[in-house]
Amino acid sequence: MSPLSAIETEQVRDLRARLNRVPKGPAGDKSVGPLSKGFFDVAARVGLPAPPADAPPPSPEAALAAATEADMAGLAALVVRLAAFRAASPEKWRAYFDAGVLQAILTRRLVLGGKERI
């Protein structure tokens, strides 16, 4: 498990809180793009890089479930797949955003970094 610095911990928690405040549906459309980019930026800073990947991510529900149990390698792989999917299918990205997949990944990273308990 990779430890997180105090700054990294605060960045992850702040982004997770921002993601939780985005309204579902059309009301939150303007926030999805910038917060998605912010997610991938923060993910890279905390050891979850997002290079291109060929495999599409699982469904939003399956991705959410996978994020809650993943180790660092599993989280990194999920982030890679999500980044590729977002680039290839931006019209379908909102389902992952609304399902809470990004928050689940950030929470799991905090758990793996020893900053939160589940």
PDB file of N, CA and C in Angstrom:
ATOM      1  N   MET A   1       0.835  -1.183   0.000  1.00  0.00           N
ATOM      2  CA  MET A   1       0.000   0.000   0.000  1.00  0.00           C
ATOM      3  C   MET A   1       0.875   1.241   0.000  1.00  0.00           C
ATOM      4  N   SER A   2       0.495   2.178  -0.817  1.00  0.00           N
ATOM      5  CA  SER A   2       1.235   3.421  -0.886  1.00  0.00           C
ATOM      6  C   SER A   2       0.657   4.430   0.090  1.00  0.00           C
ATOM      7  N   PRO A   3       1.505   5.009   0.927  1.00  0.00           N
ATOM      8  CA  PRO A   3       1.001   6.035   1.845  1.00  0.00           C
ATOM      9  C   PRO A   3       0.668   7.312   1.084  1.00  0.00           C
ATOM     10  N   LEU A   4      -0.193   8.106   1.656  1.00  0.00           N
ATOM     11  CA  LEU A   4      -0.563   9.386   1.082  1.00  0.00           C
ATOM     12  C   LEU A   4      -0.043  10.503   1.969  1.00  0.00           C
ATOM     13  N   SER A   5       0.455  11.557   1.360  1.00  0.00           N
ATOM     14  CA  SER A   5       0.874  12.721   2.137  1.00  0.00           C
ATOM     15  C   SER A   5      -0.375  13.454   2.619  1.00  0.00           C
ATOM     16  N   ALA A   6      -0.183  14.393   3.518  1.00  0.00           N
ATOM     17  CA  ALA A   6      -1.312  15.188   4.011  1.00  0.00           C
ATOM     18  C   ALA A   6      -1.948  15.984   2.876  1.00  0.00           C
ATOM     19  N   ILE A   7      -1.134  16.499   1.975  1.00  0.00           N
ATOM     20  CA  ILE A   7      -1.657  17.276   0.844  1.00  0.00           C
ATOM     21  C   ILE A   7      -2.440  16.380  -0.101  1.00  0.00           C
ATOM     22  N   GLU A   8      -1.900  15.209  -0.412  1.00  0.00           N
ATOM     23  CA  GLU A   8      -2.613  14.273  -1.286  1.00  0.00           C
ATOM     24  C   GLU A   8      -3.936  13.849  -0.669  1.00  0.00           C
ATOM     25  N   THR A   9      -3.922  13.585   0.619  1.00  0.00           N
ATOM     26  CA  THR A   9      -5.147  13.193   1.317  1.00  0.00           C
ATOM     27  C   THR A   9      -6.198  14.288   1.204  1.00  0.00           C
ATOM     28  N   GLU A  10      -5.790  15.524   1.418  1.00  0.00           N
ATOM     29  CA  GLU A  10      -6.723  16.643   1.338  1.00  0.00           C
ATOM     30  C   GLU A  10      -7.246  16.822  -0.084  1.00  0.00           C
ATOM     31  N   GLN A  11      -6.397  16.648  -1.086  1.00  0.00           N
ATOM     32  CA  GLN A  11      -6.840  16.764  -2.482  1.00  0.00           C
ATOM     33  C   GLN A  11      -7.891  15.704  -2.801  1.00  0.00           C
ATOM     34  N   VAL A  12      -7.651  14.479  -2.377  1.00  0.00           N
ATOM     35  CA  VAL A  12      -8.596  13.392  -2.647  1.00  0.00           C
ATOM     36  C   VAL A  12      -9.916  13.658  -1.936  1.00  0.00           C
ATOM     37  N   ARG A  13      -9.858  14.042  -0.674  1.00  0.00           N
ATOM     38  CA  ARG A  13     -11.091  14.304   0.074  1.00  0.00           C
ATOM     39  C   ARG A  13     -11.860  15.488  -0.498  1.00  0.00           C
ATOM     40  N   ASP A  14     -11.150  16.537  -0.887  1.00  0.00           N
ATOM     41  CA  ASP A  14     -11.809  17.710  -1.460  1.00  0.00           C
ATOM     42  C   ASP A  14     -12.506  17.355  -2.770  1.00  0.00           C
ATOM     43  N   LEU A  15     -11.826  16.634  -3.637  1.00  0.00           N
ATOM     44  CA  LEU A  15     -12.438  16.250  -4.906  1.00  0.00           C
ATOM     45  C   LEU A  15     -13.630  15.332  -4.682  1.00  0.00           C
ATOM     46  N   ARG A  16     -13.497  14.397  -3.764  1.00  0.00           N
ATOM     47  CA  ARG A  16     -14.620  13.490  -3.479  1.00  0.00           C
ATOM     48  C   ARG A  16     -15.834  14.288  -3.008  1.00  0.00           C
ATOM     49  N   ALA A  17     -15.609  15.282  -2.156  1.00  0.00           N
ATOM     50  CA  ALA A  17     -16.711  16.117  -1.677  1.00  0.00           C
ATOM     51  C   ALA A  17     -17.343  16.898  -2.824  1.00  0.00           C
ATOM     52  N   ARG A  18     -16.532  17.408  -3.723  1.00  0.00           N
ATOM     53  CA  ARG A  18     -17.063  18.139  -4.878  1.00  0.00           C
ATOM     54  C   ARG A  18     -17.887  17.225  -5.777  1.00  0.00           C
ATOM     55  N   LEU A  19     -17.391  16.012  -5.990  1.00  0.00           N
ATOM     56  CA  LEU A  19     -18.126  15.045  -6.811  1.00  0.00           C
ATOM     57  C   LEU A  19     -19.475  14.714  -6.177  1.00  0.00           C
ATOM     58  N   ASN A  20     -19.517  14.634  -4.860  1.00  0.00           N
ATOM     59  CA  ASN A  20     -20.758  14.304  -4.167  1.00  0.00           C
ATOM     60  C   ASN A  20     -21.798  15.415  -4.262  1.00  0.00           C
ATOM     61  N   ARG A  21     -21.374  16.641  -4.551  1.00  0.00           N
ATOM     62  CA  ARG A  21     -22.305  17.771  -4.622  1.00  0.00           C
ATOM     63  C   ARG A  21     -22.880  18.002  -6.017  1.00  0.00           C
ATOM     64  N   VAL A  22     -22.412  17.282  -7.013  1.00  0.00           N
ATOM     65  CA  VAL A  22     -22.913  17.486  -8.379  1.00  0.00           C
ATOM     66  C   VAL A  22     -24.304  16.871  -8.500  1.00  0.00           C
ATOM     67  N   PRO A  23     -25.283  17.672  -8.916  1.00  0.00           N
ATOM     68  CA  PRO A  23     -26.625  17.111  -9.086  1.00  0.00           C
ATOM     69  C   PRO A  23     -26.663  16.115 -10.237  1.00  0.00           C
ATOM     70  N   LYS A  24     -27.447  15.092 -10.073  1.00  0.00           N
ATOM     71  CA  LYS A  24     -27.625  14.119 -11.149  1.00  0.00           C
ATOM     72  C   LYS A  24     -28.519  14.740 -12.219  1.00  0.00           C
ATOM     73  N   GLY A  25     -28.360  14.254 -13.433  1.00  0.00           N
ATOM     74  CA  GLY A  25     -29.185  14.739 -14.525  1.00  0.00           C
ATOM     75  C   GLY A  25     -28.644  16.015 -15.139  1.00  0.00           C
ATOM     76  N   PRO A  26     -29.476  16.681 -15.946  1.00  0.00           N
ATOM     77  CA  PRO A  26     -29.031  17.861 -16.706  1.00  0.00           C
ATOM     78  C   PRO A  26     -28.514  19.005 -15.831  1.00  0.00           C
ATOM     79  N   ALA A  27     -28.991  19.106 -14.609  1.00  0.00           N
ATOM     80  CA  ALA A  27     -28.572  20.209 -13.740  1.00  0.00           C
ATOM     81  C   ALA A  27     -27.070  20.187 -13.467  1.00  0.00           C
ATOM     82  N   GLY A  28     -26.451  19.011 -13.516  1.00  0.00           N
ATOM     83  CA  GLY A  28     -25.030  18.908 -13.232  1.00  0.00           C
ATOM     84  C   GLY A  28     -24.144  18.794 -14.445  1.00  0.00           C
ATOM     85  N   ASP A  29     -24.706  18.952 -15.635  1.00  0.00           N
ATOM     86  CA  ASP A  29     -23.941  18.741 -16.872  1.00  0.00           C
ATOM     87  C   ASP A  29     -22.686  19.595 -16.974  1.00  0.00           C
ATOM     88  N   LYS A  30     -22.741  20.845 -16.536  1.00  0.00           N
ATOM     89  CA  LYS A  30     -21.595  21.738 -16.662  1.00  0.00           C
ATOM     90  C   LYS A  30     -20.434  21.313 -15.768  1.00  0.00           C
ATOM     91  N   SER A  31     -20.703  20.568 -14.730  1.00  0.00           N
ATOM     92  CA  SER A  31     -19.665  20.154 -13.788  1.00  0.00           C
ATOM     93  C   SER A  31     -18.962  18.865 -14.188  1.00  0.00           C
ATOM     94  N   VAL A  32     -19.588  18.053 -14.989  1.00  0.00           N
ATOM     95  CA  VAL A  32     -19.063  16.721 -15.295  1.00  0.00           C
ATOM     96  C   VAL A  32     -17.689  16.775 -15.954  1.00  0.00           C
ATOM     97  N   GLY A  33     -17.529  17.587 -16.971  1.00  0.00           N
ATOM     98  CA  GLY A  33     -16.252  17.659 -17.686  1.00  0.00           C
ATOM     99  C   GLY A  33     -15.090  18.095 -16.811  1.00  0.00           C
ATOM    100  N   PRO A  34     -15.196  19.268 -16.159  1.00  0.00           N
ATOM    101  CA  PRO A  34     -14.086  19.721 -15.318  1.00  0.00           C
ATOM    102  C   PRO A  34     -13.789  18.790 -14.149  1.00  0.00           C
ATOM    103  N   LEU A  35     -14.826  18.260 -13.511  1.00  0.00           N
ATOM    104  CA  LEU A  35     -14.584  17.370 -12.382  1.00  0.00           C
ATOM    105  C   LEU A  35     -14.022  16.024 -12.835  1.00  0.00           C
ATOM    106  N   SER A  36     -14.401  15.564 -14.009  1.00  0.00           N
ATOM    107  CA  SER A  36     -13.831  14.328 -14.537  1.00  0.00           C
ATOM    108  C   SER A  36     -12.346  14.518 -14.814  1.00  0.00           C
ATOM    109  N   LYS A  37     -11.996  15.637 -15.417  1.00  0.00           N
ATOM    110  CA  LYS A  37     -10.583  15.934 -15.657  1.00  0.00           C
ATOM    111  C   LYS A  37      -9.840  16.032 -14.328  1.00  0.00           C
ATOM    112  N   GLY A  38     -10.449  16.698 -13.366  1.00  0.00           N
ATOM    113  CA  GLY A  38      -9.843  16.803 -12.039  1.00  0.00           C
ATOM    114  C   GLY A  38      -9.643  15.445 -11.395  1.00  0.00           C
ATOM    115  N   PHE A  39     -10.600  14.547 -11.595  1.00  0.00           N
ATOM    116  CA  PHE A  39     -10.466  13.200 -11.051  1.00  0.00           C
ATOM    117  C   PHE A  39      -9.222  12.515 -11.606  1.00  0.00           C
ATOM    118  N   PHE A  40      -9.051  12.548 -12.923  1.00  0.00           N
ATOM    119  CA  PHE A  40      -7.901  11.870 -13.525  1.00  0.00           C
ATOM    120  C   PHE A  40      -6.584  12.545 -13.139  1.00  0.00           C
ATOM    121  N   ASP A  41      -6.592  13.865 -12.957  1.00  0.00           N
ATOM    122  CA  ASP A  41      -5.388  14.565 -12.493  1.00  0.00           C
ATOM    123  C   ASP A  41      -5.016  14.137 -11.073  1.00  0.00           C
ATOM    124  N   VAL A  42      -5.993  14.125 -10.193  1.00  0.00           N
ATOM    125  CA  VAL A  42      -5.734  13.729  -8.799  1.00  0.00           C
ATOM    126  C   VAL A  42      -5.364  12.251  -8.734  1.00  0.00           C
ATOM    127  N   ALA A  43      -6.044  11.426  -9.505  1.00  0.00           N
ATOM    128  CA  ALA A  43      -5.726   9.995  -9.515  1.00  0.00           C
ATOM    129  C   ALA A  43      -4.259   9.777  -9.879  1.00  0.00           C
ATOM    130  N   ALA A  44      -3.788  10.499 -10.880  1.00  0.00           N
ATOM    131  CA  ALA A  44      -2.382  10.362 -11.287  1.00  0.00           C
ATOM    132  C   ALA A  44      -1.444  10.807 -10.174  1.00  0.00           C
ATOM    133  N   ARG A  45      -1.805  11.854  -9.446  1.00  0.00           N
ATOM    134  CA  ARG A  45      -0.965  12.345  -8.347  1.00  0.00           C
ATOM    135  C   ARG A  45      -0.859  11.353  -7.193  1.00  0.00           C
ATOM    136  N   VAL A  46      -1.875  10.527  -7.029  1.00  0.00           N
ATOM    137  CA  VAL A  46      -1.877   9.601  -5.889  1.00  0.00           C
ATOM    138  C   VAL A  46      -1.586   8.160  -6.311  1.00  0.00           C
ATOM    139  N   GLY A  47      -0.905   8.020  -7.442  1.00  0.00           N
ATOM    140  CA  GLY A  47      -0.431   6.694  -7.833  1.00  0.00           C
ATOM    141  C   GLY A  47      -1.374   5.865  -8.673  1.00  0.00           C
ATOM    142  N   LEU A  48      -2.354   6.494  -9.270  1.00  0.00           N
ATOM    143  CA  LEU A  48      -3.303   5.772 -10.124  1.00  0.00           C
ATOM    144  C   LEU A  48      -3.260   6.378 -11.522  1.00  0.00           C
ATOM    145  N   PRO A  49      -2.165   6.154 -12.246  1.00  0.00           N
ATOM    146  CA  PRO A  49      -2.015   6.777 -13.564  1.00  0.00           C
ATOM    147  C   PRO A  49      -3.045   6.242 -14.554  1.00  0.00           C
ATOM    148  N   ALA A  50      -3.288   7.023 -15.575  1.00  0.00           N
ATOM    149  CA  ALA A  50      -4.291   6.643 -16.560  1.00  0.00           C
ATOM    150  C   ALA A  50      -3.730   6.637 -17.978  1.00  0.00           C
ATOM    151  N   PRO A  51      -2.815   5.724 -18.297  1.00  0.00           N
ATOM    152  CA  PRO A  51      -2.378   5.616 -19.682  1.00  0.00           C
ATOM    153  C   PRO A  51      -3.478   4.949 -20.511  1.00  0.00           C
ATOM    154  N   PRO A  52      -3.367   4.987 -21.831  1.00  0.00           N
ATOM    155  CA  PRO A  52      -4.397   4.372 -22.664  1.00  0.00           C
ATOM    156  C   PRO A  52      -4.555   2.873 -22.389  1.00  0.00           C
ATOM    157  N   ALA A  53      -5.763   2.396 -22.559  1.00  0.00           N
ATOM    158  CA  ALA A  53      -6.045   0.970 -22.369  1.00  0.00           C
ATOM    159  C   ALA A  53      -7.011   0.520 -23.454  1.00  0.00           C
ATOM    160  N   ASP A  54      -6.946  -0.743 -23.792  1.00  0.00           N
ATOM    161  CA  ASP A  54      -7.818  -1.289 -24.821  1.00  0.00           C
ATOM    162  C   ASP A  54      -9.151  -1.800 -24.279  1.00  0.00           C
ATOM    163  N   ALA A  55      -9.136  -2.316 -23.065  1.00  0.00           N
ATOM    164  CA  ALA A  55     -10.334  -2.946 -22.518  1.00  0.00           C
ATOM    165  C   ALA A  55     -11.309  -1.898 -21.993  1.00  0.00           C
ATOM    166  N   PRO A  56     -12.583  -1.990 -22.380  1.00  0.00           N
ATOM    167  CA  PRO A  56     -13.565  -1.055 -21.831  1.00  0.00           C
ATOM    168  C   PRO A  56     -13.827  -1.388 -20.361  1.00  0.00           C
ATOM    169  N   PRO A  57     -14.275  -0.414 -19.598  1.00  0.00           N
ATOM    170  CA  PRO A  57     -14.561  -0.703 -18.186  1.00  0.00           C
ATOM    171  C   PRO A  57     -15.815  -1.555 -18.070  1.00  0.00           C
ATOM    172  N   PRO A  58     -15.995  -2.161 -16.921  1.00  0.00           N
ATOM    173  CA  PRO A  58     -17.247  -2.890 -16.695  1.00  0.00           C
ATOM    174  C   PRO A  58     -18.397  -1.887 -16.610  1.00  0.00           C
ATOM    175  N   SER A  59     -19.592  -2.377 -16.456  1.00  0.00           N
ATOM    176  CA  SER A  59     -20.750  -1.494 -16.302  1.00  0.00           C
ATOM    177  C   SER A  59     -20.521  -0.572 -15.103  1.00  0.00           C
ATOM    178  N   PRO A  60     -21.271   0.537 -15.003  1.00  0.00           N
ATOM    179  CA  PRO A  60     -21.100   1.412 -13.844  1.00  0.00           C
ATOM    180  C   PRO A  60     -21.280   0.675 -12.514  1.00  0.00           C
ATOM    181  N   GLU A  61     -22.237  -0.218 -12.452  1.00  0.00           N
ATOM    182  CA  GLU A  61     -22.485  -0.955 -11.214  1.00  0.00           C
ATOM    183  C   GLU A  61     -21.318  -1.889 -10.892  1.00  0.00           C
ATOM    184  N   ALA A  62     -20.810  -2.589 -11.902  1.00  0.00           N
ATOM    185  CA  ALA A  62     -19.689  -3.495 -11.700  1.00  0.00           C
ATOM    186  C   ALA A  62     -18.409  -2.728 -11.366  1.00  0.00           C
ATOM    187  N   ALA A  63     -18.237  -1.566 -11.984  1.00  0.00           N
ATOM    188  CA  ALA A  63     -17.066  -0.730 -11.683  1.00  0.00           C
ATOM    189  C   ALA A  63     -17.128  -0.239 -10.247  1.00  0.00           C
ATOM    190  N   LEU A  64     -18.309   0.132  -9.791  1.00  0.00           N
ATOM    191  CA  LEU A  64     -18.493   0.572  -8.411  1.00  0.00           C
ATOM    192  C   LEU A  64     -18.150  -0.550  -7.439  1.00  0.00           C
ATOM    193  N   ALA A  65     -18.628  -1.739  -7.720  1.00  0.00           N
ATOM    194  CA  ALA A  65     -18.329  -2.893  -6.870  1.00  0.00           C
ATOM    195  C   ALA A  65     -16.839  -3.220  -6.880  1.00  0.00           C
ATOM    196  N   ALA A  66     -16.226  -3.162  -8.054  1.00  0.00           N
ATOM    197  CA  ALA A  66     -14.792  -3.464  -8.160  1.00  0.00           C
ATOM    198  C   ALA A  66     -13.958  -2.462  -7.387  1.00  0.00           C
ATOM    199  N   ALA A  67     -14.352  -1.204  -7.416  1.00  0.00           N
ATOM    200  CA  ALA A  67     -13.587  -0.159  -6.731  1.00  0.00           C
ATOM    201  C   ALA A  67     -13.594  -0.346  -5.220  1.00  0.00           C
ATOM    202  N   THR A  68     -14.643  -0.920  -4.676  1.00  0.00           N
ATOM    203  CA  THR A  68     -14.735  -1.048  -3.222  1.00  0.00           C
ATOM    204  C   THR A  68     -13.834  -2.131  -2.659  1.00  0.00           C
ATOM    205  N   GLU A  69     -13.363  -3.050  -3.488  1.00  0.00           N
ATOM    206  CA  GLU A  69     -12.532  -4.156  -3.013  1.00  0.00           C
ATOM    207  C   GLU A  69     -11.138  -4.189  -3.629  1.00  0.00           C
ATOM    208  N   ALA A  70     -10.836  -3.292  -4.539  1.00  0.00           N
ATOM    209  CA  ALA A  70      -9.595  -3.364  -5.312  1.00  0.00           C
ATOM    210  C   ALA A  70      -8.359  -3.033  -4.479  1.00  0.00           C
ATOM    211  N   ASP A  71      -7.239  -3.631  -4.895  1.00  0.00           N
ATOM    212  CA  ASP A  71      -5.946  -3.226  -4.352  1.00  0.00           C
ATOM    213  C   ASP A  71      -5.419  -2.119  -5.260  1.00  0.00           C
ATOM    214  N   MET A  72      -4.193  -1.638  -5.011  1.00  0.00           N
ATOM    215  CA  MET A  72      -3.653  -0.543  -5.821  1.00  0.00           C
ATOM    216  C   MET A  72      -3.598  -0.898  -7.306  1.00  0.00           C
ATOM    217  N   ALA A  73      -3.153  -2.102  -7.609  1.00  0.00           N
ATOM    218  CA  ALA A  73      -3.060  -2.509  -9.012  1.00  0.00           C
ATOM    219  C   ALA A  73      -4.448  -2.557  -9.652  1.00  0.00           C
ATOM    220  N   GLY A  74      -5.420  -3.064  -8.921  1.00  0.00           N
ATOM    221  CA  GLY A  74      -6.782  -3.124  -9.433  1.00  0.00           C
ATOM    222  C   GLY A  74      -7.388  -1.744  -9.638  1.00  0.00           C
ATOM    223  N   LEU A  75      -7.130  -0.833  -8.693  1.00  0.00           N
ATOM    224  CA  LEU A  75      -7.617   0.535  -8.848  1.00  0.00           C
ATOM    225  C   LEU A  75      -6.972   1.209 -10.050  1.00  0.00           C
ATOM    226  N   ALA A  76      -5.656   1.030 -10.184  1.00  0.00           N
ATOM    227  CA  ALA A  76      -4.944   1.633 -11.315  1.00  0.00           C
ATOM    228  C   ALA A  76      -5.498   1.108 -12.631  1.00  0.00           C
ATOM    229  N   ALA A  77      -5.750  -0.185 -12.702  1.00  0.00           N
ATOM    230  CA  ALA A  77      -6.299  -0.778 -13.919  1.00  0.00           C
ATOM    231  C   ALA A  77      -7.689  -0.229 -14.213  1.00  0.00           C
ATOM    232  N   LEU A  78      -8.493  -0.052 -13.181  1.00  0.00           N
ATOM    233  CA  LEU A  78      -9.837   0.487 -13.365  1.00  0.00           C
ATOM    234  C   LEU A  78      -9.769   1.932 -13.860  1.00  0.00           C
ATOM    235  N   VAL A  79      -8.875   2.728 -13.301  1.00  0.00           N
ATOM    236  CA  VAL A  79      -8.722   4.119 -13.739  1.00  0.00           C
ATOM    237  C   VAL A  79      -8.287   4.175 -15.206  1.00  0.00           C
ATOM    238  N   VAL A  80      -7.375   3.295 -15.578  1.00  0.00           N
ATOM    239  CA  VAL A  80      -6.910   3.239 -16.969  1.00  0.00           C
ATOM    240  C   VAL A  80      -8.081   2.939 -17.902  1.00  0.00           C
ATOM    241  N   ARG A  81      -8.876   1.964 -17.530  1.00  0.00           N
ATOM    242  CA  ARG A  81     -10.008   1.578 -18.373  1.00  0.00           C
ATOM    243  C   ARG A  81     -11.050   2.696 -18.442  1.00  0.00           C
ATOM    244  N   LEU A  82     -11.275   3.374 -17.322  1.00  0.00           N
ATOM    245  CA  LEU A  82     -12.229   4.474 -17.317  1.00  0.00           C
ATOM    246  C   LEU A  82     -11.752   5.636 -18.188  1.00  0.00           C
ATOM    247  N   ALA A  83     -10.458   5.944 -18.125  1.00  0.00           N
ATOM    248  CA  ALA A  83      -9.913   7.036 -18.935  1.00  0.00           C
ATOM    249  C   ALA A  83     -10.095   6.743 -20.423  1.00  0.00           C
ATOM    250  N   ALA A  84      -9.817   5.531 -20.804  1.00  0.00           N
ATOM    251  CA  ALA A  84      -9.974   5.146 -22.211  1.00  0.00           C
ATOM    252  C   ALA A  84     -11.446   5.189 -22.617  1.00  0.00           C
ATOM    253  N   PHE A  85     -12.310   4.731 -21.744  1.00  0.00           N
ATOM    254  CA  PHE A  85     -13.740   4.733 -22.051  1.00  0.00           C
ATOM    255  C   PHE A  85     -14.265   6.155 -22.190  1.00  0.00           C
ATOM    256  N   ARG A  86     -13.851   7.035 -21.276  1.00  0.00           N
ATOM    257  CA  ARG A  86     -14.303   8.428 -21.338  1.00  0.00           C
ATOM    258  C   ARG A  86     -13.885   9.067 -22.658  1.00  0.00           C
ATOM    259  N   ALA A  87     -12.667   8.783 -23.093  1.00  0.00           N
ATOM    260  CA  ALA A  87     -12.177   9.343 -24.355  1.00  0.00           C
ATOM    261  C   ALA A  87     -12.937   8.778 -25.553  1.00  0.00           C
ATOM    262  N   ALA A  88     -13.267   7.496 -25.505  1.00  0.00           N
ATOM    263  CA  ALA A  88     -13.915   6.837 -26.637  1.00  0.00           C
ATOM    264  C   ALA A  88     -15.427   7.038 -26.662  1.00  0.00           C
ATOM    265  N   SER A  89     -16.049   7.149 -25.497  1.00  0.00           N
ATOM    266  CA  SER A  89     -17.514   7.230 -25.420  1.00  0.00           C
ATOM    267  C   SER A  89     -17.973   8.313 -24.451  1.00  0.00           C
ATOM    268  N   PRO A  90     -17.669   9.569 -24.746  1.00  0.00           N
ATOM    269  CA  PRO A  90     -18.038  10.626 -23.797  1.00  0.00           C
ATOM    270  C   PRO A  90     -19.543  10.702 -23.539  1.00  0.00           C
ATOM    271  N   GLU A  91     -20.349  10.292 -24.504  1.00  0.00           N
ATOM    272  CA  GLU A  91     -21.796  10.344 -24.318  1.00  0.00           C
ATOM    273  C   GLU A  91     -22.283   9.329 -23.282  1.00  0.00           C
ATOM    274  N   LYS A  92     -21.516   8.293 -23.022  1.00  0.00           N
ATOM    275  CA  LYS A  92     -21.895   7.276 -22.039  1.00  0.00           C
ATOM    276  C   LYS A  92     -21.187   7.467 -20.704  1.00  0.00           C
ATOM    277  N   TRP A  93     -20.270   8.421 -20.616  1.00  0.00           N
ATOM    278  CA  TRP A  93     -19.458   8.635 -19.417  1.00  0.00           C
ATOM    279  C   TRP A  93     -20.305   9.033 -18.211  1.00  0.00           C
ATOM    280  N   ARG A  94     -21.353   9.788 -18.436  1.00  0.00           N
ATOM    281  CA  ARG A  94     -22.160  10.319 -17.331  1.00  0.00           C
ATOM    282  C   ARG A  94     -22.717   9.204 -16.444  1.00  0.00           C
ATOM    283  N   ALA A  95     -22.984   8.033 -16.990  1.00  0.00           N
ATOM    284  CA  ALA A  95     -23.504   6.924 -16.177  1.00  0.00           C
ATOM    285  C   ALA A  95     -22.500   6.527 -15.097  1.00  0.00           C
ATOM    286  N   TYR A  96     -21.209   6.530 -15.421  1.00  0.00           N
ATOM    287  CA  TYR A  96     -20.176   6.197 -14.438  1.00  0.00           C
ATOM    288  C   TYR A  96     -20.055   7.313 -13.410  1.00  0.00           C
ATOM    289  N   PHE A  97     -20.134   8.538 -13.892  1.00  0.00           N
ATOM    290  CA  PHE A  97     -20.056   9.699 -13.017  1.00  0.00           C
ATOM    291  C   PHE A  97     -21.211   9.667 -12.015  1.00  0.00           C
ATOM    292  N   ASP A  98     -22.436   9.475 -12.507  1.00  0.00           N
ATOM    293  CA  ASP A  98     -23.619   9.476 -11.650  1.00  0.00           C
ATOM    294  C   ASP A  98     -23.693   8.271 -10.723  1.00  0.00           C
ATOM    295  N   ALA A  99     -23.098   7.159 -11.106  1.00  0.00           N
ATOM    296  CA  ALA A  99     -23.148   5.951 -10.277  1.00  0.00           C
ATOM    297  C   ALA A  99     -22.247   6.057  -9.055  1.00  0.00           C
ATOM    298  N   GLY A 100     -21.368   7.057  -9.020  1.00  0.00           N
ATOM    299  CA  GLY A 100     -20.478   7.210  -7.868  1.00  0.00           C
ATOM    300  C   GLY A 100     -19.178   6.433  -7.988  1.00  0.00           C
ATOM    301  N   VAL A 101     -18.847   6.008  -9.197  1.00  0.00           N
ATOM    302  CA  VAL A 101     -17.625   5.224  -9.412  1.00  0.00           C
ATOM    303  C   VAL A 101     -16.386   6.038  -9.033  1.00  0.00           C
ATOM    304  N   LEU A 102     -16.361   7.312  -9.411  1.00  0.00           N
ATOM    305  CA  LEU A 102     -15.185   8.128  -9.118  1.00  0.00           C
ATOM    306  C   LEU A 102     -14.996   8.301  -7.613  1.00  0.00           C
ATOM    307  N   GLN A 103     -16.085   8.529  -6.897  1.00  0.00           N
ATOM    308  CA  GLN A 103     -16.008   8.657  -5.445  1.00  0.00           C
ATOM    309  C   GLN A 103     -15.539   7.350  -4.802  1.00  0.00           C
ATOM    310  N   ALA A 104     -16.026   6.221  -5.320  1.00  0.00           N
ATOM    311  CA  ALA A 104     -15.627   4.921  -4.771  1.00  0.00           C
ATOM    312  C   ALA A 104     -14.136   4.679  -4.963  1.00  0.00           C
ATOM    313  N   ILE A 105     -13.618   5.074  -6.118  1.00  0.00           N
ATOM    314  CA  ILE A 105     -12.178   4.913  -6.365  1.00  0.00           C
ATOM    315  C   ILE A 105     -11.385   5.789  -5.410  1.00  0.00           C
ATOM    316  N   LEU A 106     -11.812   7.040  -5.234  1.00  0.00           N
ATOM    317  CA  LEU A 106     -11.104   7.937  -4.322  1.00  0.00           C
ATOM    318  C   LEU A 106     -11.172   7.433  -2.881  1.00  0.00           C
ATOM    319  N   THR A 107     -12.324   6.946  -2.475  1.00  0.00           N
ATOM    320  CA  THR A 107     -12.460   6.407  -1.118  1.00  0.00           C
ATOM    321  C   THR A 107     -11.556   5.198  -0.926  1.00  0.00           C
ATOM    322  N   ARG A 108     -11.537   4.313  -1.892  1.00  0.00           N
ATOM    323  CA  ARG A 108     -10.677   3.120  -1.781  1.00  0.00           C
ATOM    324  C   ARG A 108      -9.216   3.523  -1.721  1.00  0.00           C
ATOM    325  N   ARG A 109      -8.820   4.550  -2.476  1.00  0.00           N
ATOM    326  CA  ARG A 109      -7.430   5.014  -2.432  1.00  0.00           C
ATOM    327  C   ARG A 109      -7.093   5.550  -1.043  1.00  0.00           C
ATOM    328  N   LEU A 110      -8.023   6.252  -0.416  1.00  0.00           N
ATOM    329  CA  LEU A 110      -7.804   6.726   0.947  1.00  0.00           C
ATOM    330  C   LEU A 110      -7.661   5.547   1.918  1.00  0.00           C
ATOM    331  N   VAL A 111      -8.483   4.532   1.738  1.00  0.00           N
ATOM    332  CA  VAL A 111      -8.395   3.336   2.585  1.00  0.00           C
ATOM    333  C   VAL A 111      -7.048   2.655   2.401  1.00  0.00           C
ATOM    334  N   LEU A 112      -6.644   2.477   1.146  1.00  0.00           N
ATOM    335  CA  LEU A 112      -5.350   1.825   0.872  1.00  0.00           C
ATOM    336  C   LEU A 112      -4.179   2.666   1.358  1.00  0.00           C
ATOM    337  N   GLY A 113      -4.352   3.968   1.407  1.00  0.00           N
ATOM    338  CA  GLY A 113      -3.298   4.855   1.895  1.00  0.00           C
ATOM    339  C   GLY A 113      -3.300   5.002   3.406  1.00  0.00           C
ATOM    340  N   GLY A 114      -4.209   4.298   4.076  1.00  0.00           N
ATOM    341  CA  GLY A 114      -4.257   4.335   5.533  1.00  0.00           C
ATOM    342  C   GLY A 114      -4.897   5.587   6.102  1.00  0.00           C
ATOM    343  N   LYS A 115      -5.666   6.311   5.300  1.00  0.00           N
ATOM    344  CA  LYS A 115      -6.273   7.572   5.753  1.00  0.00           C
ATOM    345  C   LYS A 115      -7.730   7.455   6.129  1.00  0.00           C
ATOM    346  N   GLU A 116      -8.365   6.350   5.789  1.00  0.00           N
ATOM    347  CA  GLU A 116      -9.762   6.108   6.154  1.00  0.00           C
ATOM    348  C   GLU A 116      -9.982   4.633   6.395  1.00  0.00           C
ATOM    349  N   ARG A 117     -10.999   4.348   7.147  1.00  0.00           N
ATOM    350  CA  ARG A 117     -11.415   2.965   7.392  1.00  0.00           C
ATOM    351  C   ARG A 117     -12.789   2.764   6.772  1.00  0.00           C
ATOM    352  N   ILE A 118     -13.039   1.524   6.365  1.00  0.00           N
ATOM    353  CA  ILE A 118     -14.367   1.256   5.806  1.00  0.00           C
ATOM    354  C   ILE A 118     -15.209   0.501   6.804  1.00  0.00           C
TER     355      ILE A 118
END
